[in-house]
Amino acid sequence: MKGSCNCGAIHFSVAPEANRAVACHCTKCRKQSGHVWASGQAAPDQISITGDVTWYKSSEKAKRGFCPTCGCFLFWQAHDEDAISFALGALQNPTGLALQEHIFVADKGDYYDINDGLPQKD
């Protein structure tokens, strides 16, 4: 799977084994992305990133990676783990992925409902 930011300054490729796909409804993801943030997750040896990603420490638990030119929010990484989450919306189709669950639904916006039948975690 291959992905990039809007301007093309950041490119990334992910091994097919990186198949966890979730929709995050936490307040920080919604503020950063403008709505729900859908992401996959990969071990460091499963993802290759080209370009100068700017990392922003968004909380005591995690940092977010974005393109310094166009501002695309592409990556999320917890400070205490190696796995890197990557934006599903930045991938070229077809991805072969399907959402598996919704996370942080206790923080979701009041302007939408989740009705797809997937598991939901607070």
PDB file of N, CA and C in Angstrom:
ATOM      1  N   MET A   1       0.843  -1.169   0.000  1.00  0.00           N
ATOM      2  CA  MET A   1       0.000   0.000   0.000  1.00  0.00           C
ATOM      3  C   MET A   1       0.889   1.233   0.000  1.00  0.00           C
ATOM      4  N   LYS A   2       0.476   2.223  -0.778  1.00  0.00           N
ATOM      5  CA  LYS A   2       1.243   3.458  -0.870  1.00  0.00           C
ATOM      6  C   LYS A   2       0.343   4.643  -0.556  1.00  0.00           C
ATOM      7  N   GLY A   3       0.932   5.658   0.060  1.00  0.00           N
ATOM      8  CA  GLY A   3       0.178   6.845   0.401  1.00  0.00           C
ATOM      9  C   GLY A   3       1.045   8.084   0.310  1.00  0.00           C
ATOM     10  N   SER A   4       0.387   9.243   0.396  1.00  0.00           N
ATOM     11  CA  SER A   4       1.122  10.505   0.354  1.00  0.00           C
ATOM     12  C   SER A   4       0.254  11.619   0.919  1.00  0.00           C
ATOM     13  N   CYS A   5       0.891  12.758   1.131  1.00  0.00           N
ATOM     14  CA  CYS A   5       0.170  13.964   1.537  1.00  0.00           C
ATOM     15  C   CYS A   5      -0.394  14.636   0.283  1.00  0.00           C
ATOM     16  N   ASN A   6      -1.096  15.736   0.453  1.00  0.00           N
ATOM     17  CA  ASN A   6      -1.696  16.441  -0.686  1.00  0.00           C
ATOM     18  C   ASN A   6      -0.670  16.978  -1.668  1.00  0.00           C
ATOM     19  N   CYS A   7       0.432  17.537  -1.165  1.00  0.00           N
ATOM     20  CA  CYS A   7       1.397  18.182  -2.056  1.00  0.00           C
ATOM     21  C   CYS A   7       2.446  17.224  -2.595  1.00  0.00           C
ATOM     22  N   GLY A   8       2.554  16.029  -2.046  1.00  0.00           N
ATOM     23  CA  GLY A   8       3.522  15.041  -2.520  1.00  0.00           C
ATOM     24  C   GLY A   8       4.889  15.122  -1.857  1.00  0.00           C
ATOM     25  N   ALA A   9       5.052  15.990  -0.853  1.00  0.00           N
ATOM     26  CA  ALA A   9       6.334  16.097  -0.162  1.00  0.00           C
ATOM     27  C   ALA A   9       6.612  14.884   0.728  1.00  0.00           C
ATOM     28  N   ILE A  10       5.548  14.246   1.217  1.00  0.00           N
ATOM     29  CA  ILE A  10       5.674  13.056   2.070  1.00  0.00           C
ATOM     30  C   ILE A  10       5.029  11.877   1.344  1.00  0.00           C
ATOM     31  N   HIS A  11       5.773  10.807   1.224  1.00  0.00           N
ATOM     32  CA  HIS A  11       5.259   9.548   0.668  1.00  0.00           C
ATOM     33  C   HIS A  11       5.520   8.457   1.691  1.00  0.00           C
ATOM     34  N   PHE A  12       4.663   7.459   1.703  1.00  0.00           N
ATOM     35  CA  PHE A  12       4.915   6.322   2.574  1.00  0.00           C
ATOM     36  C   PHE A  12       4.381   5.065   1.921  1.00  0.00           C
ATOM     37  N   SER A  13       4.984   3.948   2.285  1.00  0.00           N
ATOM     38  CA  SER A  13       4.500   2.646   1.833  1.00  0.00           C
ATOM     39  C   SER A  13       4.387   1.755   3.059  1.00  0.00           C
ATOM     40  N   VAL A  14       3.386   0.889   3.012  1.00  0.00           N
ATOM     41  CA  VAL A  14       3.071   0.024   4.154  1.00  0.00           C
ATOM     42  C   VAL A  14       2.956  -1.408   3.645  1.00  0.00           C
ATOM     43  N   ALA A  15       3.555  -2.333   4.383  1.00  0.00           N
ATOM     44  CA  ALA A  15       3.473  -3.744   4.033  1.00  0.00           C
ATOM     45  C   ALA A  15       2.025  -4.226   4.150  1.00  0.00           C
ATOM     46  N   PRO A  16       1.632  -5.182   3.336  1.00  0.00           N
ATOM     47  CA  PRO A  16       0.258  -5.697   3.381  1.00  0.00           C
ATOM     48  C   PRO A  16      -0.145  -6.276   4.734  1.00  0.00           C
ATOM     49  N   GLU A  17       0.825  -6.674   5.544  1.00  0.00           N
ATOM     50  CA  GLU A  17       0.513  -7.241   6.857  1.00  0.00           C
ATOM     51  C   GLU A  17      -0.084  -6.201   7.794  1.00  0.00           C
ATOM     52  N   ALA A  18       0.110  -4.927   7.488  1.00  0.00           N
ATOM     53  CA  ALA A  18      -0.429  -3.847   8.331  1.00  0.00           C
ATOM     54  C   ALA A  18      -1.909  -3.694   8.000  1.00  0.00           C
ATOM     55  N   ASN A  19      -2.736  -4.499   8.645  1.00  0.00           N
ATOM     56  CA  ASN A  19      -4.133  -4.555   8.231  1.00  0.00           C
ATOM     57  C   ASN A  19      -5.130  -4.121   9.298  1.00  0.00           C
ATOM     58  N   ARG A  20      -4.680  -3.573  10.424  1.00  0.00           N
ATOM     59  CA  ARG A  20      -5.605  -3.093  11.455  1.00  0.00           C
ATOM     60  C   ARG A  20      -6.152  -1.745  10.998  1.00  0.00           C
ATOM     61  N   ALA A  21      -7.441  -1.635  10.886  1.00  0.00           N
ATOM     62  CA  ALA A  21      -8.080  -0.402  10.421  1.00  0.00           C
ATOM     63  C   ALA A  21      -9.163   0.012  11.406  1.00  0.00           C
ATOM     64  N   VAL A  22      -9.002   1.200  12.001  1.00  0.00           N
ATOM     65  CA  VAL A  22      -9.948   1.685  13.000  1.00  0.00           C
ATOM     66  C   VAL A  22     -10.363   3.117  12.683  1.00  0.00           C
ATOM     67  N   ALA A  23     -11.490   3.512  13.235  1.00  0.00           N
ATOM     68  CA  ALA A  23     -11.951   4.898  13.157  1.00  0.00           C
ATOM     69  C   ALA A  23     -11.872   5.477  14.557  1.00  0.00           C
ATOM     70  N   CYS A  24     -11.083   6.536  14.722  1.00  0.00           N
ATOM     71  CA  CYS A  24     -10.902   7.148  16.028  1.00  0.00           C
ATOM     72  C   CYS A  24     -11.796   8.380  16.153  1.00  0.00           C
ATOM     73  N   HIS A  25     -12.536   8.429  17.239  1.00  0.00           N
ATOM     74  CA  HIS A  25     -13.484   9.514  17.488  1.00  0.00           C
ATOM     75  C   HIS A  25     -13.032  10.422  18.636  1.00  0.00           C
ATOM     76  N   CYS A  26     -11.782  10.305  19.075  1.00  0.00           N
ATOM     77  CA  CYS A  26     -11.319  11.130  20.194  1.00  0.00           C
ATOM     78  C   CYS A  26     -11.301  12.607  19.795  1.00  0.00           C
ATOM     79  N   THR A  27     -11.365  13.452  20.779  1.00  0.00           N
ATOM     80  CA  THR A  27     -11.425  14.890  20.542  1.00  0.00           C
ATOM     81  C   THR A  27     -10.205  15.387  19.768  1.00  0.00           C
ATOM     82  N   LYS A  28      -9.021  14.903  20.096  1.00  0.00           N
ATOM     83  CA  LYS A  28      -7.813  15.371  19.412  1.00  0.00           C
ATOM     84  C   LYS A  28      -7.804  14.966  17.943  1.00  0.00           C
ATOM     85  N   CYS A  29      -8.195  13.732  17.630  1.00  0.00           N
ATOM     86  CA  CYS A  29      -8.247  13.310  16.222  1.00  0.00           C
ATOM     87  C   CYS A  29      -9.299  14.105  15.454  1.00  0.00           C
ATOM     88  N   ARG A  30     -10.446  14.343  16.097  1.00  0.00           N
ATOM     89  CA  ARG A  30     -11.485  15.115  15.418  1.00  0.00           C
ATOM     90  C   ARG A  30     -11.024  16.540  15.161  1.00  0.00           C
ATOM     91  N   LYS A  31     -10.339  17.149  16.119  1.00  0.00           N
ATOM     92  CA  LYS A  31      -9.841  18.511  15.912  1.00  0.00           C
ATOM     93  C   LYS A  31      -8.757  18.546  14.842  1.00  0.00           C
ATOM     94  N   GLN A  32      -7.871  17.564  14.872  1.00  0.00           N
ATOM     95  CA  GLN A  32      -6.760  17.533  13.913  1.00  0.00           C
ATOM     96  C   GLN A  32      -7.242  17.266  12.490  1.00  0.00           C
ATOM     97  N   SER A  33      -8.211  16.356  12.340  1.00  0.00           N
ATOM     98  CA  SER A  33      -8.636  15.944  11.002  1.00  0.00           C
ATOM     99  C   SER A  33      -9.895  16.649  10.505  1.00  0.00           C
ATOM    100  N   GLY A  34     -10.655  17.223  11.427  1.00  0.00           N
ATOM    101  CA  GLY A  34     -11.908  17.850  11.043  1.00  0.00           C
ATOM    102  C   GLY A  34     -13.118  16.946  11.200  1.00  0.00           C
ATOM    103  N   HIS A  35     -12.884  15.684  11.520  1.00  0.00           N
ATOM    104  CA  HIS A  35     -13.971  14.725  11.755  1.00  0.00           C
ATOM    105  C   HIS A  35     -13.356  13.477  12.364  1.00  0.00           C
ATOM    106  N   VAL A  36     -13.813  12.330  11.986  1.00  0.00           N
ATOM    107  CA  VAL A  36     -13.283  11.049  12.451  1.00  0.00           C
ATOM    108  C   VAL A  36     -11.965  10.793  11.716  1.00  0.00           C
ATOM    109  N   TRP A  37     -10.988  10.218  12.413  1.00  0.00           N
ATOM    110  CA  TRP A  37      -9.725   9.879  11.758  1.00  0.00           C
ATOM    111  C   TRP A  37      -9.625   8.377  11.608  1.00  0.00           C
ATOM    112  N   ALA A  38      -9.588   7.902  10.373  1.00  0.00           N
ATOM    113  CA  ALA A  38      -9.455   6.474  10.091  1.00  0.00           C
ATOM    114  C   ALA A  38      -7.983   6.160   9.871  1.00  0.00           C
ATOM    115  N   SER A  39      -7.515   5.122  10.567  1.00  0.00           N
ATOM    116  CA  SER A  39      -6.097   4.802  10.462  1.00  0.00           C
ATOM    117  C   SER A  39      -5.846   3.309  10.453  1.00  0.00           C
ATOM    118  N   GLY A  40      -4.714   2.974   9.879  1.00  0.00           N
ATOM    119  CA  GLY A  40      -4.161   1.634   9.954  1.00  0.00           C
ATOM    120  C   GLY A  40      -2.989   1.699  10.911  1.00  0.00           C
ATOM    121  N   GLN A  41      -2.406   0.557  11.221  1.00  0.00           N
ATOM    122  CA  GLN A  41      -1.280   0.544  12.142  1.00  0.00           C
ATOM    123  C   GLN A  41      -0.212  -0.404  11.623  1.00  0.00           C
ATOM    124  N   ALA A  42       1.039   0.016  11.747  1.00  0.00           N
ATOM    125  CA  ALA A  42       2.138  -0.793  11.247  1.00  0.00           C
ATOM    126  C   ALA A  42       3.306  -0.776  12.214  1.00  0.00           C
ATOM    127  N   ALA A  43       4.026  -1.882  12.265  1.00  0.00           N
ATOM    128  CA  ALA A  43       5.285  -1.934  13.004  1.00  0.00           C
ATOM    129  C   ALA A  43       6.311  -1.127  12.210  1.00  0.00           C
ATOM    130  N   PRO A  44       7.343  -0.621  12.866  1.00  0.00           N
ATOM    131  CA  PRO A  44       8.335   0.193  12.166  1.00  0.00           C
ATOM    132  C   PRO A  44       8.945  -0.479  10.934  1.00  0.00           C
ATOM    133  N   ASP A  45       9.119  -1.799  10.983  1.00  0.00           N
ATOM    134  CA  ASP A  45       9.691  -2.487   9.821  1.00  0.00           C
ATOM    135  C   ASP A  45       8.667  -2.726   8.708  1.00  0.00           C
ATOM    136  N   GLN A  46       7.410  -2.348   8.931  1.00  0.00           N
ATOM    137  CA  GLN A  46       6.357  -2.513   7.925  1.00  0.00           C
ATOM    138  C   GLN A  46       6.005  -1.206   7.222  1.00  0.00           C
ATOM    139  N   ILE A  47       6.621  -0.099   7.637  1.00  0.00           N
ATOM    140  CA  ILE A  47       6.299   1.191   7.041  1.00  0.00           C
ATOM    141  C   ILE A  47       7.582   1.918   6.656  1.00  0.00           C
ATOM    142  N   SER A  48       7.548   2.525   5.491  1.00  0.00           N
ATOM    143  CA  SER A  48       8.673   3.310   5.001  1.00  0.00           C
ATOM    144  C   SER A  48       8.150   4.706   4.684  1.00  0.00           C
ATOM    145  N   ILE A  49       8.775   5.725   5.271  1.00  0.00           N
ATOM    146  CA  ILE A  49       8.342   7.101   5.093  1.00  0.00           C
ATOM    147  C   ILE A  49       9.452   7.889   4.413  1.00  0.00           C
ATOM    148  N   THR A  50       9.094   8.601   3.343  1.00  0.00           N
ATOM    149  CA  THR A  50      10.027   9.452   2.621  1.00  0.00           C
ATOM    150  C   THR A  50       9.570  10.892   2.737  1.00  0.00           C
ATOM    151  N   GLY A  51      10.479  11.772   3.106  1.00  0.00           N
ATOM    152  CA  GLY A  51      10.158  13.182   3.266  1.00  0.00           C
ATOM    153  C   GLY A  51      10.342  13.591   4.715  1.00  0.00           C
ATOM    154  N   ASP A  52      10.291  14.885   4.952  1.00  0.00           N
ATOM    155  CA  ASP A  52      10.533  15.429   6.286  1.00  0.00           C
ATOM    156  C   ASP A  52       9.231  15.628   7.044  1.00  0.00           C
ATOM    157  N   VAL A  53       8.811  14.596   7.743  1.00  0.00           N
ATOM    158  CA  VAL A  53       7.599  14.670   8.557  1.00  0.00           C
ATOM    159  C   VAL A  53       7.877  15.557   9.773  1.00  0.00           C
ATOM    160  N   THR A  54       6.953  16.450  10.076  1.00  0.00           N
ATOM    161  CA  THR A  54       7.026  17.231  11.300  1.00  0.00           C
ATOM    162  C   THR A  54       6.196  16.513  12.348  1.00  0.00           C
ATOM    163  N   TRP A  55       6.805  16.263  13.500  1.00  0.00           N
ATOM    164  CA  TRP A  55       6.119  15.577  14.588  1.00  0.00           C
ATOM    165  C   TRP A  55       5.731  16.587  15.650  1.00  0.00           C
ATOM    166  N   TYR A  56       4.489  16.507  16.080  1.00  0.00           N
ATOM    167  CA  TYR A  56       3.919  17.399  17.071  1.00  0.00           C
ATOM    168  C   TYR A  56       3.511  16.572  18.281  1.00  0.00           C
ATOM    169  N   LYS A  57       4.034  16.913  19.466  1.00  0.00           N
ATOM    170  CA  LYS A  57       3.648  16.217  20.699  1.00  0.00           C
ATOM    171  C   LYS A  57       2.269  16.728  21.098  1.00  0.00           C
ATOM    172  N   SER A  58       1.243  15.983  20.742  1.00  0.00           N
ATOM    173  CA  SER A  58      -0.131  16.432  20.944  1.00  0.00           C
ATOM    174  C   SER A  58      -0.668  16.142  22.339  1.00  0.00           C
ATOM    175  N   SER A  59       0.013  15.277  23.080  1.00  0.00           N
ATOM    176  CA  SER A  59      -0.407  14.967  24.447  1.00  0.00           C
ATOM    177  C   SER A  59       0.760  14.297  25.165  1.00  0.00           C
ATOM    178  N   GLU A  60       0.545  13.980  26.420  1.00  0.00           N
ATOM    179  CA  GLU A  60       1.562  13.252  27.185  1.00  0.00           C
ATOM    180  C   GLU A  60       1.685  11.808  26.710  1.00  0.00           C
ATOM    181  N   LYS A  61       0.708  11.351  25.919  1.00  0.00           N
ATOM    182  CA  LYS A  61       0.690   9.955  25.477  1.00  0.00           C
ATOM    183  C   LYS A  61       1.161   9.742  24.047  1.00  0.00           C
ATOM    184  N   ALA A  62       1.054  10.778  23.186  1.00  0.00           N
ATOM    185  CA  ALA A  62       1.306  10.531  21.771  1.00  0.00           C
ATOM    186  C   ALA A  62       1.798  11.765  21.026  1.00  0.00           C
ATOM    187  N   LYS A  63       2.297  11.488  19.827  1.00  0.00           N
ATOM    188  CA  LYS A  63       2.693  12.544  18.902  1.00  0.00           C
ATOM    189  C   LYS A  63       2.000  12.303  17.569  1.00  0.00           C
ATOM    190  N   ARG A  64       1.866  13.364  16.781  1.00  0.00           N
ATOM    191  CA  ARG A  64       1.204  13.302  15.477  1.00  0.00           C
ATOM    192  C   ARG A  64       2.164  13.815  14.420  1.00  0.00           C
ATOM    193  N   GLY A  65       2.203  13.116  13.291  1.00  0.00           N
ATOM    194  CA  GLY A  65       3.101  13.501  12.206  1.00  0.00           C
ATOM    195  C   GLY A  65       2.321  14.101  11.050  1.00  0.00           C
ATOM    196  N   PHE A  66       2.822  15.227  10.533  1.00  0.00           N
ATOM    197  CA  PHE A  66       2.137  15.885   9.426  1.00  0.00           C
ATOM    198  C   PHE A  66       3.141  16.459   8.447  1.00  0.00           C
ATOM    199  N   CYS A  67       2.664  16.806   7.267  1.00  0.00           N
ATOM    200  CA  CYS A  67       3.496  17.416   6.243  1.00  0.00           C
ATOM    201  C   CYS A  67       3.673  18.900   6.586  1.00  0.00           C
ATOM    202  N   PRO A  68       4.918  19.389   6.650  1.00  0.00           N
ATOM    203  CA  PRO A  68       5.131  20.785   6.981  1.00  0.00           C
ATOM    204  C   PRO A  68       4.752  21.742   5.844  1.00  0.00           C
ATOM    205  N   THR A  69       4.565  21.219   4.645  1.00  0.00           N
ATOM    206  CA  THR A  69       4.216  22.066   3.507  1.00  0.00           C
ATOM    207  C   THR A  69       2.710  22.234   3.368  1.00  0.00           C
ATOM    208  N   CYS A  70       1.973  21.119   3.275  1.00  0.00           N
ATOM    209  CA  CYS A  70       0.526  21.215   3.038  1.00  0.00           C
ATOM    210  C   CYS A  70      -0.305  20.982   4.298  1.00  0.00           C
ATOM    211  N   GLY A  71       0.328  20.522   5.381  1.00  0.00           N
ATOM    212  CA  GLY A  71      -0.369  20.355   6.653  1.00  0.00           C
ATOM    213  C   GLY A  71      -1.131  19.054   6.819  1.00  0.00           C
ATOM    214  N   CYS A  72      -1.059  18.136   5.870  1.00  0.00           N
ATOM    215  CA  CYS A  72      -1.789  16.870   5.996  1.00  0.00           C
ATOM    216  C   CYS A  72      -1.348  16.098   7.239  1.00  0.00           C
ATOM    217  N   PHE A  73      -2.331  15.680   8.026  1.00  0.00           N
ATOM    218  CA  PHE A  73      -2.123  14.857   9.221  1.00  0.00           C
ATOM    219  C   PHE A  73      -2.039  13.410   8.746  1.00  0.00           C
ATOM    220  N   LEU A  74      -0.850  12.818   8.824  1.00  0.00           N
ATOM    221  CA  LEU A  74      -0.614  11.501   8.242  1.00  0.00           C
ATOM    222  C   LEU A  74      -0.339  10.391   9.254  1.00  0.00           C
ATOM    223  N   PHE A  75       0.251  10.716  10.412  1.00  0.00           N
ATOM    224  CA  PHE A  75       0.724   9.687  11.318  1.00  0.00           C
ATOM    225  C   PHE A  75       0.378  10.011  12.772  1.00  0.00           C
ATOM    226  N   TRP A  76       0.280   8.967  13.566  1.00  0.00           N
ATOM    227  CA  TRP A  76       0.065   9.067  15.010  1.00  0.00           C
ATOM    228  C   TRP A  76       0.899   7.973  15.647  1.00  0.00           C
ATOM    229  N   GLN A  77       1.589   8.314  16.757  1.00  0.00           N
ATOM    230  CA  GLN A  77       2.395   7.306  17.442  1.00  0.00           C
ATOM    231  C   GLN A  77       2.388   7.567  18.940  1.00  0.00           C
ATOM    232  N   ALA A  78       2.058   6.545  19.699  1.00  0.00           N
ATOM    233  CA  ALA A  78       2.129   6.632  21.154  1.00  0.00           C
ATOM    234  C   ALA A  78       3.598   6.691  21.564  1.00  0.00           C
ATOM    235  N   HIS A  79       3.897   7.455  22.607  1.00  0.00           N
ATOM    236  CA  HIS A  79       5.278   7.600  23.061  1.00  0.00           C
ATOM    237  C   HIS A  79       5.853   6.292  23.580  1.00  0.00           C
ATOM    238  N   ASP A  80       4.990   5.391  24.074  1.00  0.00           N
ATOM    239  CA  ASP A  80       5.483   4.157  24.686  1.00  0.00           C
ATOM    240  C   ASP A  80       5.351   2.915  23.800  1.00  0.00           C
ATOM    241  N   GLU A  81       5.147   3.112  22.498  1.00  0.00           N
ATOM    242  CA  GLU A  81       5.080   1.940  21.608  1.00  0.00           C
ATOM    243  C   GLU A  81       5.746   2.238  20.277  1.00  0.00           C
ATOM    244  N   ASP A  82       6.166   1.180  19.604  1.00  0.00           N
ATOM    245  CA  ASP A  82       6.851   1.336  18.323  1.00  0.00           C
ATOM    246  C   ASP A  82       5.893   1.490  17.148  1.00  0.00           C
ATOM    247  N   ALA A  83       4.707   0.901  17.241  1.00  0.00           N
ATOM    248  CA  ALA A  83       3.775   0.919  16.108  1.00  0.00           C
ATOM    249  C   ALA A  83       3.433   2.353  15.715  1.00  0.00           C
ATOM    250  N   ILE A  84       3.244   2.551  14.424  1.00  0.00           N
ATOM    251  CA  ILE A  84       2.875   3.855  13.878  1.00  0.00           C
ATOM    252  C   ILE A  84       1.520   3.717  13.194  1.00  0.00           C
ATOM    253  N   SER A  85       0.591   4.595  13.547  1.00  0.00           N
ATOM    254  CA  SER A  85      -0.696   4.629  12.854  1.00  0.00           C
ATOM    255  C   SER A  85      -0.564   5.566  11.665  1.00  0.00           C
ATOM    256  N   PHE A  86      -1.214   5.208  10.560  1.00  0.00           N
ATOM    257  CA  PHE A  86      -1.130   6.004   9.339  1.00  0.00           C
ATOM    258  C   PHE A  86      -2.535   6.274   8.815  1.00  0.00           C
ATOM    259  N   ALA A  87      -2.709   7.402   8.172  1.00  0.00           N
ATOM    260  CA  ALA A  87      -4.017   7.834   7.684  1.00  0.00           C
ATOM    261  C   ALA A  87      -4.490   6.967   6.518  1.00  0.00           C
ATOM    262  N   LEU A  88      -5.629   6.315   6.706  1.00  0.00           N
ATOM    263  CA  LEU A  88      -6.189   5.504   5.619  1.00  0.00           C
ATOM    264  C   LEU A  88      -6.595   6.373   4.435  1.00  0.00           C
ATOM    265  N   GLY A  89      -7.037   7.591   4.709  1.00  0.00           N
ATOM    266  CA  GLY A  89      -7.450   8.492   3.642  1.00  0.00           C
ATOM    267  C   GLY A  89      -6.308   8.934   2.744  1.00  0.00           C
ATOM    268  N   ALA A  90      -5.075   8.757   3.187  1.00  0.00           N
ATOM    269  CA  ALA A  90      -3.913   9.143   2.389  1.00  0.00           C
ATOM    270  C   ALA A  90      -3.434   8.019   1.473  1.00  0.00           C
ATOM    271  N   LEU A  91      -4.022   6.821   1.607  1.00  0.00           N
ATOM    272  CA  LEU A  91      -3.615   5.678   0.784  1.00  0.00           C
ATOM    273  C   LEU A  91      -4.234   5.737  -0.608  1.00  0.00           C
ATOM    274  N   GLN A  92      -3.495   5.209  -1.567  1.00  0.00           N
ATOM    275  CA  GLN A  92      -4.033   5.048  -2.921  1.00  0.00           C
ATOM    276  C   GLN A  92      -4.927   3.817  -2.922  1.00  0.00           C
ATOM    277  N   ASN A  93      -6.014   3.890  -3.648  1.00  0.00           N
ATOM    278  CA  ASN A  93      -6.910   2.729  -3.788  1.00  0.00           C
ATOM    279  C   ASN A  93      -6.365   1.774  -4.824  1.00  0.00           C
ATOM    280  N   PRO A  94      -6.665   0.509  -4.755  1.00  0.00           N
ATOM    281  CA  PRO A  94      -7.421  -0.147  -3.692  1.00  0.00           C
ATOM    282  C   PRO A  94      -6.510  -0.469  -2.504  1.00  0.00           C
ATOM    283  N   THR A  95      -7.057  -0.410  -1.307  1.00  0.00           N
ATOM    284  CA  THR A  95      -6.273  -0.724  -0.113  1.00  0.00           C
ATOM    285  C   THR A  95      -6.460  -2.171   0.318  1.00  0.00           C
ATOM    286  N   GLY A  96      -7.623  -2.735   0.044  1.00  0.00           N
ATOM    287  CA  GLY A  96      -7.921  -4.077   0.517  1.00  0.00           C
ATOM    288  C   GLY A  96      -8.260  -4.110   1.995  1.00  0.00           C
ATOM    289  N   LEU A  97      -8.386  -2.943   2.621  1.00  0.00           N
ATOM    290  CA  LEU A  97      -8.679  -2.858   4.051  1.00  0.00           C
ATOM    291  C   LEU A  97     -10.160  -2.604   4.292  1.00  0.00           C
ATOM    292  N   ALA A  98     -10.609  -2.924   5.479  1.00  0.00           N
ATOM    293  CA  ALA A  98     -11.969  -2.616   5.914  1.00  0.00           C
ATOM    294  C   ALA A  98     -11.896  -2.237   7.390  1.00  0.00           C
ATOM    295  N   LEU A  99     -12.663  -1.231   7.778  1.00  0.00           N
ATOM    296  CA  LEU A  99     -12.685  -0.845   9.185  1.00  0.00           C
ATOM    297  C   LEU A  99     -13.060  -2.044  10.048  1.00  0.00           C
ATOM    298  N   GLN A 100     -12.405  -2.150  11.211  1.00  0.00           N
ATOM    299  CA  GLN A 100     -12.669  -3.249  12.130  1.00  0.00           C
ATOM    300  C   GLN A 100     -13.395  -2.795  13.386  1.00  0.00           C
ATOM    301  N   GLU A 101     -13.183  -1.534  13.789  1.00  0.00           N
ATOM    302  CA  GLU A 101     -13.828  -1.046  15.001  1.00  0.00           C
ATOM    303  C   GLU A 101     -13.747   0.476  15.078  1.00  0.00           C
ATOM    304  N   HIS A 102     -14.515   1.013  15.999  1.00  0.00           N
ATOM    305  CA  HIS A 102     -14.498   2.434  16.328  1.00  0.00           C
ATOM    306  C   HIS A 102     -13.917   2.564  17.722  1.00  0.00           C
ATOM    307  N   ILE A 103     -12.985   3.523  17.898  1.00  0.00           N
ATOM    308  CA  ILE A 103     -12.373   3.713  19.207  1.00  0.00           C
ATOM    309  C   ILE A 103     -12.639   5.123  19.735  1.00  0.00           C
ATOM    310  N   PHE A 104     -12.605   5.253  21.041  1.00  0.00           N
ATOM    311  CA  PHE A 104     -12.869   6.514  21.747  1.00  0.00           C
ATOM    312  C   PHE A 104     -14.232   7.100  21.388  1.00  0.00           C
ATOM    313  N   VAL A 105     -15.222   6.227  21.288  1.00  0.00           N
ATOM    314  CA  VAL A 105     -16.563   6.690  20.919  1.00  0.00           C
ATOM    315  C   VAL A 105     -17.223   7.524  22.018  1.00  0.00           C
ATOM    316  N   ALA A 106     -16.738   7.442  23.244  1.00  0.00           N
ATOM    317  CA  ALA A 106     -17.278   8.285  24.310  1.00  0.00           C
ATOM    318  C   ALA A 106     -17.011   9.765  24.028  1.00  0.00           C
ATOM    319  N   ASP A 107     -16.006  10.055  23.194  1.00  0.00           N
ATOM    320  CA  ASP A 107     -15.642  11.431  22.840  1.00  0.00           C
ATOM    321  C   ASP A 107     -16.218  11.881  21.502  1.00  0.00           C
ATOM    322  N   LYS A 108     -16.971  11.049  20.832  1.00  0.00           N
ATOM    323  CA  LYS A 108     -17.439  11.374  19.486  1.00  0.00           C
ATOM    324  C   LYS A 108     -18.284  12.640  19.471  1.00  0.00           C
ATOM    325  N   GLY A 109     -18.343  13.276  18.315  1.00  0.00           N
ATOM    326  CA  GLY A 109     -19.159  14.471  18.179  1.00  0.00           C
ATOM    327  C   GLY A 109     -20.639  14.154  18.286  1.00  0.00           C
ATOM    328  N   ASP A 110     -21.425  15.132  18.694  1.00  0.00           N
ATOM    329  CA  ASP A 110     -22.869  14.917  18.830  1.00  0.00           C
ATOM    330  C   ASP A 110     -23.617  15.111  17.514  1.00  0.00           C
ATOM    331  N   TYR A 111     -22.916  15.435  16.466  1.00  0.00           N
ATOM    332  CA  TYR A 111     -23.534  15.732  15.169  1.00  0.00           C
ATOM    333  C   TYR A 111     -23.602  14.529  14.228  1.00  0.00           C
ATOM    334  N   TYR A 112     -23.225  13.344  14.700  1.00  0.00           N
ATOM    335  CA  TYR A 112     -23.309  12.148  13.857  1.00  0.00           C
ATOM    336  C   TYR A 112     -23.573  10.913  14.708  1.00  0.00           C
ATOM    337  N   ASP A 113     -24.043   9.869  14.028  1.00  0.00           N
ATOM    338  CA  ASP A 113     -24.288   8.577  14.658  1.00  0.00           C
ATOM    339  C   ASP A 113     -23.363   7.541  14.027  1.00  0.00           C
ATOM    340  N   ILE A 114     -23.098   6.489  14.762  1.00  0.00           N
ATOM    341  CA  ILE A 114     -22.325   5.361  14.244  1.00  0.00           C
ATOM    342  C   ILE A 114     -23.297   4.205  14.089  1.00  0.00           C
ATOM    343  N   ASN A 115     -23.596   3.842  12.857  1.00  0.00           N
ATOM    344  CA  ASN A 115     -24.617   2.829  12.594  1.00  0.00           C
ATOM    345  C   ASN A 115     -24.128   1.676  11.711  1.00  0.00           C
ATOM    346  N   ASP A 116     -22.832   1.459  11.647  1.00  0.00           N
ATOM    347  CA  ASP A 116     -22.330   0.428  10.729  1.00  0.00           C
ATOM    348  C   ASP A 116     -22.241  -0.956  11.340  1.00  0.00           C
ATOM    349  N   GLY A 117     -22.570  -1.102  12.626  1.00  0.00           N
ATOM    350  CA  GLY A 117     -22.569  -2.417  13.257  1.00  0.00           C
ATOM    351  C   GLY A 117     -21.202  -2.905  13.720  1.00  0.00           C
ATOM    352  N   LEU A 118     -20.156  -2.121  13.523  1.00  0.00           N
ATOM    353  CA  LEU A 118     -18.820  -2.513  13.974  1.00  0.00           C
ATOM    354  C   LEU A 118     -18.691  -2.326  15.479  1.00  0.00           C
ATOM    355  N   PRO A 119     -17.779  -3.060  16.119  1.00  0.00           N
ATOM    356  CA  PRO A 119     -17.566  -2.878  17.560  1.00  0.00           C
ATOM    357  C   PRO A 119     -17.189  -1.432  17.880  1.00  0.00           C
ATOM    358  N   GLN A 120     -17.636  -0.982  19.055  1.00  0.00           N
ATOM    359  CA  GLN A 120     -17.349   0.372  19.514  1.00  0.00           C
ATOM    360  C   GLN A 120     -16.723   0.286  20.895  1.00  0.00           C
ATOM    361  N   LYS A 121     -15.590   0.983  21.073  1.00  0.00           N
ATOM    362  CA  LYS A 121     -14.892   1.011  22.362  1.00  0.00           C
ATOM    363  C   LYS A 121     -14.864   2.443  22.878  1.00  0.00           C
ATOM    364  N   ASP A 122     -15.187   2.603  24.157  1.00  0.00           N
ATOM    365  CA  ASP A 122     -15.145   3.928  24.765  1.00  0.00           C
ATOM    366  C   ASP A 122     -13.734   4.455  24.815  1.00  0.00           C
TER     367      ASP A 122
END
